[in-house]
Amino acid sequence: TLILVGRYFDLEGMPIPEPRPADYSNT
């Protein structure tokens, strides 16, 4: 609870990842 209500796990600290191009390699 202390971790999730902190400022690191809100939408500003961890926004939704932007779409990556087709040649992007996660590995």
PDB file of all heavy atoms in Angstrom:
ATOM      1  N   THR A   1       0.829  -1.205   0.000  1.00  0.00           N
ATOM      2  CA  THR A   1       0.000   0.000   0.000  1.00  0.00           C
ATOM      3  C   THR A   1       0.863   1.254   0.000  1.00  0.00           C
ATOM      4  O   THR A   1       0.597   2.221  -0.735  1.00  0.00           O
ATOM      5  CB  THR A   1      -0.934  -0.010   1.219  1.00  0.00           C
ATOM      6  OG1 THR A   1      -1.732  -1.190   1.196  1.00  0.00           O
ATOM      7  CG2 THR A   1      -1.839   1.208   1.208  1.00  0.00           C
ATOM      8  N   LEU A   2       1.919   1.245   0.820  1.00  0.00           N
ATOM      9  CA  LEU A   2       2.816   2.403   0.854  1.00  0.00           C
ATOM     10  C   LEU A   2       3.506   2.632  -0.483  1.00  0.00           C
ATOM     11  O   LEU A   2       3.756   3.777  -0.880  1.00  0.00           O
ATOM     12  CB  LEU A   2       3.855   2.215   1.957  1.00  0.00           C
ATOM     13  CG  LEU A   2       3.339   2.273   3.399  1.00  0.00           C
ATOM     14  CD1 LEU A   2       4.449   1.955   4.382  1.00  0.00           C
ATOM     15  CD2 LEU A   2       2.728   3.633   3.700  1.00  0.00           C
ATOM     16  N   ILE A   3       3.818   1.527  -1.179  1.00  0.00           N
ATOM     17  CA  ILE A   3       4.480   1.674  -2.474  1.00  0.00           C
ATOM     18  C   ILE A   3       3.506   2.171  -3.537  1.00  0.00           C
ATOM     19  O   ILE A   3       3.809   3.072  -4.318  1.00  0.00           O
ATOM     20  CB  ILE A   3       5.111   0.338  -2.895  1.00  0.00           C
ATOM     21  CG1 ILE A   3       6.275  -0.004  -1.955  1.00  0.00           C
ATOM     22  CG2 ILE A   3       5.608   0.403  -4.332  1.00  0.00           C
ATOM     23  CD1 ILE A   3       6.870  -1.355  -2.206  1.00  0.00           C
ATOM     24  N   LEU A   4       2.306   1.594  -3.555  1.00  0.00           N
ATOM     25  CA  LEU A   4       1.359   1.922  -4.621  1.00  0.00           C
ATOM     26  C   LEU A   4       0.758   3.309  -4.476  1.00  0.00           C
ATOM     27  O   LEU A   4       0.389   3.925  -5.478  1.00  0.00           O
ATOM     28  CB  LEU A   4       0.245   0.870  -4.667  1.00  0.00           C
ATOM     29  CG  LEU A   4       0.686  -0.544  -5.077  1.00  0.00           C
ATOM     30  CD1 LEU A   4      -0.488  -1.514  -5.011  1.00  0.00           C
ATOM     31  CD2 LEU A   4       1.270  -0.528  -6.479  1.00  0.00           C
ATOM     32  N   VAL A   5       0.624   3.816  -3.253  1.00  0.00           N
ATOM     33  CA  VAL A   5       0.044   5.151  -3.077  1.00  0.00           C
ATOM     34  C   VAL A   5       1.101   6.239  -3.195  1.00  0.00           C
ATOM     35  O   VAL A   5       0.779   7.423  -3.098  1.00  0.00           O
ATOM     36  CB  VAL A   5      -0.667   5.272  -1.708  1.00  0.00           C
ATOM     37  CG1 VAL A   5      -1.804   4.274  -1.603  1.00  0.00           C
ATOM     38  CG2 VAL A   5       0.315   5.092  -0.558  1.00  0.00           C
ATOM     39  N   GLY A   6       2.355   5.836  -3.407  1.00  0.00           N
ATOM     40  CA  GLY A   6       3.413   6.830  -3.540  1.00  0.00           C
ATOM     41  C   GLY A   6       3.380   7.521  -4.889  1.00  0.00           C
ATOM     42  O   GLY A   6       2.542   7.250  -5.763  1.00  0.00           O
ATOM     43  N   ARG A   7       4.332   8.391  -5.072  1.00  0.00           N
ATOM     44  CA  ARG A   7       4.366   9.200  -6.290  1.00  0.00           C
ATOM     45  C   ARG A   7       5.044   8.493  -7.451  1.00  0.00           C
ATOM     46  O   ARG A   7       5.111   9.035  -8.543  1.00  0.00           O
ATOM     47  CB  ARG A   7       5.090  10.521  -6.017  1.00  0.00           C
ATOM     48  CG  ARG A   7       6.509  10.346  -5.521  1.00  0.00           C
ATOM     49  CD  ARG A   7       7.099  11.673  -5.105  1.00  0.00           C
ATOM     50  NE  ARG A   7       8.447  11.547  -4.595  1.00  0.00           N
ATOM     51  CZ  ARG A   7       9.540  11.570  -5.353  1.00  0.00           C
ATOM     52  NH1 ARG A   7       9.428  11.730  -6.656  1.00  0.00           N
ATOM     53  NH2 ARG A   7      10.736  11.453  -4.813  1.00  0.00           N
ATOM     54  N   TYR A   8       5.582   7.279  -7.212  1.00  0.00           N
ATOM     55  CA  TYR A   8       6.282   6.576  -8.279  1.00  0.00           C
ATOM     56  C   TYR A   8       5.354   5.718  -9.130  1.00  0.00           C
ATOM     57  O   TYR A   8       5.714   5.328 -10.232  1.00  0.00           O
ATOM     58  CB  TYR A   8       7.376   5.681  -7.686  1.00  0.00           C
ATOM     59  CG  TYR A   8       8.447   6.458  -6.971  1.00  0.00           C
ATOM     60  CD1 TYR A   8       8.460   6.524  -5.583  1.00  0.00           C
ATOM     61  CD2 TYR A   8       9.430   7.140  -7.673  1.00  0.00           C
ATOM     62  CE1 TYR A   8       9.439   7.241  -4.909  1.00  0.00           C
ATOM     63  CE2 TYR A   8      10.418   7.868  -7.011  1.00  0.00           C
ATOM     64  CZ  TYR A   8      10.417   7.910  -5.622  1.00  0.00           C
ATOM     65  OH  TYR A   8      11.372   8.635  -4.971  1.00  0.00           O
ATOM     66  N   PHE A   9       4.168   5.410  -8.642  1.00  0.00           N
ATOM     67  CA  PHE A   9       3.284   4.503  -9.362  1.00  0.00           C
ATOM     68  C   PHE A   9       2.006   5.187  -9.830  1.00  0.00           C
ATOM     69  O   PHE A   9       1.011   4.539 -10.080  1.00  0.00           O
ATOM     70  CB  PHE A   9       2.921   3.298  -8.477  1.00  0.00           C
ATOM     71  CG  PHE A   9       4.038   2.315  -8.346  1.00  0.00           C
ATOM     72  CD1 PHE A   9       4.965   2.441  -7.337  1.00  0.00           C
ATOM     73  CD2 PHE A   9       4.169   1.272  -9.240  1.00  0.00           C
ATOM     74  CE1 PHE A   9       6.003   1.535  -7.212  1.00  0.00           C
ATOM     75  CE2 PHE A   9       5.199   0.367  -9.124  1.00  0.00           C
ATOM     76  CZ  PHE A   9       6.130   0.497  -8.106  1.00  0.00           C
ATOM     77  N   ASP A  10       2.001   6.505  -9.942  1.00  0.00           N
ATOM     78  CA  ASP A  10       0.852   7.187 -10.513  1.00  0.00           C
ATOM     79  C   ASP A  10       1.051   7.334 -12.014  1.00  0.00           C
ATOM     80  O   ASP A  10       2.065   6.925 -12.580  1.00  0.00           O
ATOM     81  CB  ASP A  10       0.643   8.546  -9.837  1.00  0.00           C
ATOM     82  CG  ASP A  10       1.907   9.411  -9.897  1.00  0.00           C
ATOM     83  OD1 ASP A  10       2.914   8.926 -10.462  1.00  0.00           O
ATOM     84  OD2 ASP A  10       1.893  10.531  -9.386  1.00  0.00           O
ATOM     85  N   LEU A  11       0.076   7.892 -12.683  1.00  0.00           N
ATOM     86  CA  LEU A  11       0.152   8.042 -14.132  1.00  0.00           C
ATOM     87  C   LEU A  11       1.231   9.026 -14.555  1.00  0.00           C
ATOM     88  O   LEU A  11       1.745   8.944 -15.676  1.00  0.00           O
ATOM     89  CB  LEU A  11      -1.207   8.487 -14.678  1.00  0.00           C
ATOM     90  CG  LEU A  11      -2.326   7.446 -14.581  1.00  0.00           C
ATOM     91  CD1 LEU A  11      -3.633   8.016 -15.113  1.00  0.00           C
ATOM     92  CD2 LEU A  11      -1.945   6.182 -15.340  1.00  0.00           C
ATOM     93  N   GLU A  12       1.590   9.957 -13.689  1.00  0.00           N
ATOM     94  CA  GLU A  12       2.654  10.893 -14.032  1.00  0.00           C
ATOM     95  C   GLU A  12       4.025  10.240 -13.887  1.00  0.00           C
ATOM     96  O   GLU A  12       4.915  10.443 -14.707  1.00  0.00           O
ATOM     97  CB  GLU A  12       2.564  12.129 -13.141  1.00  0.00           C
ATOM     98  CG  GLU A  12       1.292  12.942 -13.359  1.00  0.00           C
ATOM     99  CD  GLU A  12       1.249  14.165 -12.468  1.00  0.00           C
ATOM    100  OE1 GLU A  12       2.207  14.329 -11.658  1.00  0.00           O
ATOM    101  OE2 GLU A  12       0.294  14.948 -12.558  1.00  0.00           O
ATOM    102  N   GLY A  13       4.213   9.459 -12.817  1.00  0.00           N
ATOM    103  CA  GLY A  13       5.488   8.798 -12.623  1.00  0.00           C
ATOM    104  C   GLY A  13       5.704   7.625 -13.566  1.00  0.00           C
ATOM    105  O   GLY A  13       6.819   7.375 -14.014  1.00  0.00           O
ATOM    106  N   MET A  14       4.644   6.879 -13.853  1.00  0.00           N
ATOM    107  CA  MET A  14       4.721   5.729 -14.752  1.00  0.00           C
ATOM    108  C   MET A  14       3.593   5.829 -15.772  1.00  0.00           C
ATOM    109  O   MET A  14       2.538   5.207 -15.621  1.00  0.00           O
ATOM    110  CB  MET A  14       4.615   4.419 -13.968  1.00  0.00           C
ATOM    111  CG  MET A  14       5.739   4.197 -12.978  1.00  0.00           C
ATOM    112  SD  MET A  14       5.663   2.573 -12.207  1.00  0.00           S
ATOM    113  CE  MET A  14       5.983   1.534 -13.621  1.00  0.00           C
ATOM    114  N   PRO A  15       3.750   6.619 -16.799  1.00  0.00           N
ATOM    115  CA  PRO A  15       2.692   6.785 -17.799  1.00  0.00           C
ATOM    116  C   PRO A  15       2.534   5.531 -18.645  1.00  0.00           C
ATOM    117  O   PRO A  15       3.365   4.620 -18.629  1.00  0.00           O
ATOM    118  CB  PRO A  15       3.186   7.971 -18.633  1.00  0.00           C
ATOM    119  CG  PRO A  15       4.675   7.913 -18.498  1.00  0.00           C
ATOM    120  CD  PRO A  15       4.945   7.429 -17.105  1.00  0.00           C
ATOM    121  N   ILE A  16       1.453   5.485 -19.389  1.00  0.00           N
ATOM    122  CA  ILE A  16       1.208   4.361 -20.297  1.00  0.00           C
ATOM    123  C   ILE A  16       2.265   4.366 -21.395  1.00  0.00           C
ATOM    124  O   ILE A  16       2.560   5.425 -21.976  1.00  0.00           O
ATOM    125  CB  ILE A  16      -0.191   4.470 -20.910  1.00  0.00           C
ATOM    126  CG1 ILE A  16      -1.247   4.428 -19.794  1.00  0.00           C
ATOM    127  CG2 ILE A  16      -0.441   3.350 -21.921  1.00  0.00           C
ATOM    128  CD1 ILE A  16      -2.654   4.648 -20.280  1.00  0.00           C
ATOM    129  N   PRO A  17       2.906   3.223 -21.659  1.00  0.00           N
ATOM    130  CA  PRO A  17       3.980   3.217 -22.680  1.00  0.00           C
ATOM    131  C   PRO A  17       3.453   3.592 -24.056  1.00  0.00           C
ATOM    132  O   PRO A  17       2.360   3.192 -24.461  1.00  0.00           O
ATOM    133  CB  PRO A  17       4.482   1.767 -22.645  1.00  0.00           C
ATOM    134  CG  PRO A  17       3.372   0.976 -22.040  1.00  0.00           C
ATOM    135  CD  PRO A  17       2.696   1.897 -21.075  1.00  0.00           C
ATOM    136  N   GLU A  18       4.236   4.369 -24.760  1.00  0.00           N
ATOM    137  CA  GLU A  18       3.851   4.789 -26.101  1.00  0.00           C
ATOM    138  C   GLU A  18       4.044   3.645 -27.093  1.00  0.00           C
ATOM    139  O   GLU A  18       4.915   2.780 -26.899  1.00  0.00           O
ATOM    140  CB  GLU A  18       4.696   5.992 -26.526  1.00  0.00           C
ATOM    141  CG  GLU A  18       4.523   7.202 -25.627  1.00  0.00           C
ATOM    142  CD  GLU A  18       5.401   8.348 -26.063  1.00  0.00           C
ATOM    143  OE1 GLU A  18       6.190   8.152 -27.025  1.00  0.00           O
ATOM    144  OE2 GLU A  18       5.322   9.420 -25.450  1.00  0.00           O
ATOM    145  N   PRO A  19       3.262   3.610 -28.123  1.00  0.00           N
ATOM    146  CA  PRO A  19       3.441   2.545 -29.138  1.00  0.00           C
ATOM    147  C   PRO A  19       4.825   2.617 -29.778  1.00  0.00           C
ATOM    148  O   PRO A  19       5.321   3.693 -30.115  1.00  0.00           O
ATOM    149  CB  PRO A  19       2.327   2.842 -30.160  1.00  0.00           C
ATOM    150  CG  PRO A  19       1.312   3.637 -29.398  1.00  0.00           C
ATOM    151  CD  PRO A  19       2.095   4.452 -28.401  1.00  0.00           C
ATOM    152  N   ARG A  20       5.439   1.462 -29.956  1.00  0.00           N
ATOM    153  CA  ARG A  20       6.782   1.378 -30.515  1.00  0.00           C
ATOM    154  C   ARG A  20       6.713   1.065 -32.008  1.00  0.00           C
ATOM    155  O   ARG A  20       5.728   0.504 -32.493  1.00  0.00           O
ATOM    156  CB  ARG A  20       7.570   0.285 -29.812  1.00  0.00           C
ATOM    157  CG  ARG A  20       7.690   0.481 -28.311  1.00  0.00           C
ATOM    158  CD  ARG A  20       8.575   1.664 -27.985  1.00  0.00           C
ATOM    159  NE  ARG A  20       8.756   1.827 -26.546  1.00  0.00           N
ATOM    160  CZ  ARG A  20       9.525   2.753 -25.999  1.00  0.00           C
ATOM    161  NH1 ARG A  20      10.180   3.603 -26.768  1.00  0.00           N
ATOM    162  NH2 ARG A  20       9.638   2.845 -24.686  1.00  0.00           N
ATOM    163  N   PRO A  21       7.758   1.414 -32.743  1.00  0.00           N
ATOM    164  CA  PRO A  21       7.766   1.071 -34.179  1.00  0.00           C
ATOM    165  C   PRO A  21       7.895  -0.422 -34.387  1.00  0.00           C
ATOM    166  O   PRO A  21       8.184  -1.195 -33.470  1.00  0.00           O
ATOM    167  CB  PRO A  21       8.991   1.835 -34.711  1.00  0.00           C
ATOM    168  CG  PRO A  21       9.844   2.066 -33.507  1.00  0.00           C
ATOM    169  CD  PRO A  21       8.895   2.242 -32.355  1.00  0.00           C
ATOM    170  N   ALA A  22       7.712  -0.858 -35.619  1.00  0.00           N
ATOM    171  CA  ALA A  22       7.709  -2.288 -35.929  1.00  0.00           C
ATOM    172  C   ALA A  22       9.076  -2.919 -35.745  1.00  0.00           C
ATOM    173  O   ALA A  22       9.178  -4.106 -35.415  1.00  0.00           O
ATOM    174  CB  ALA A  22       7.220  -2.515 -37.354  1.00  0.00           C
ATOM    175  N   ASP A  23      10.153  -2.166 -35.957  1.00  0.00           N
ATOM    176  CA  ASP A  23      11.497  -2.723 -35.826  1.00  0.00           C
ATOM    177  C   ASP A  23      12.042  -2.636 -34.403  1.00  0.00           C
ATOM    178  O   ASP A  23      13.232  -2.893 -34.172  1.00  0.00           O
ATOM    179  CB  ASP A  23      12.458  -2.018 -36.786  1.00  0.00           C
ATOM    180  CG  ASP A  23      12.493  -0.512 -36.539  1.00  0.00           C
ATOM    181  OD1 ASP A  23      11.612  -0.014 -35.804  1.00  0.00           O
ATOM    182  OD2 ASP A  23      13.381   0.155 -37.097  1.00  0.00           O
ATOM    183  N   TYR A  24      11.225  -2.279 -33.434  1.00  0.00           N
ATOM    184  CA  TYR A  24      11.676  -2.172 -32.047  1.00  0.00           C
ATOM    185  C   TYR A  24      11.833  -3.567 -31.455  1.00  0.00           C
ATOM    186  O   TYR A  24      10.947  -4.417 -31.576  1.00  0.00           O
ATOM    187  CB  TYR A  24      10.680  -1.354 -31.225  1.00  0.00           C
ATOM    188  CG  TYR A  24      11.033  -1.241 -29.769  1.00  0.00           C
ATOM    189  CD1 TYR A  24      12.008  -0.347 -29.339  1.00  0.00           C
ATOM    190  CD2 TYR A  24      10.386  -2.027 -28.822  1.00  0.00           C
ATOM    191  CE1 TYR A  24      12.326  -0.234 -28.006  1.00  0.00           C
ATOM    192  CE2 TYR A  24      10.708  -1.918 -27.485  1.00  0.00           C
ATOM    193  CZ  TYR A  24      11.675  -1.020 -27.081  1.00  0.00           C
ATOM    194  OH  TYR A  24      11.992  -0.915 -25.742  1.00  0.00           O
ATOM    195  N   SER A  25      12.967  -3.826 -30.807  1.00  0.00           N
ATOM    196  CA  SER A  25      13.254  -5.130 -30.213  1.00  0.00           C
ATOM    197  C   SER A  25      13.251  -5.008 -28.699  1.00  0.00           C
ATOM    198  O   SER A  25      14.138  -4.370 -28.109  1.00  0.00           O
ATOM    199  CB  SER A  25      14.611  -5.668 -30.695  1.00  0.00           C
ATOM    200  OG  SER A  25      14.911  -6.889 -30.065  1.00  0.00           O
ATOM    201  N   ASN A  26      12.244  -5.597 -28.090  1.00  0.00           N
ATOM    202  CA  ASN A  26      12.164  -5.587 -26.634  1.00  0.00           C
ATOM    203  C   ASN A  26      13.299  -6.387 -26.012  1.00  0.00           C
ATOM    204  O   ASN A  26      13.853  -6.012 -24.974  1.00  0.00           O
ATOM    205  CB  ASN A  26      10.810  -6.150 -26.199  1.00  0.00           C
ATOM    206  CG  ASN A  26      10.601  -6.053 -24.707  1.00  0.00           C
ATOM    207  OD1 ASN A  26      10.829  -7.016 -23.988  1.00  0.00           O
ATOM    208  ND2 ASN A  26      10.157  -4.897 -24.247  1.00  0.00           N
ATOM    209  N   THR A  27      13.672  -7.489 -26.640  1.00  0.00           N
ATOM    210  CA  THR A  27      14.752  -8.330 -26.123  1.00  0.00           C
ATOM    211  C   THR A  27      16.091  -7.591 -26.171  1.00  0.00           C
ATOM    212  O   THR A  27      16.903  -7.685 -25.234  1.00  0.00           O
ATOM    213  CB  THR A  27      14.849  -9.627 -26.947  1.00  0.00           C
ATOM    214  OG1 THR A  27      13.560 -10.254 -26.978  1.00  0.00           O
ATOM    215  CG2 THR A  27      15.853 -10.578 -26.347  1.00  0.00           C
TER     216      THR A  27
END
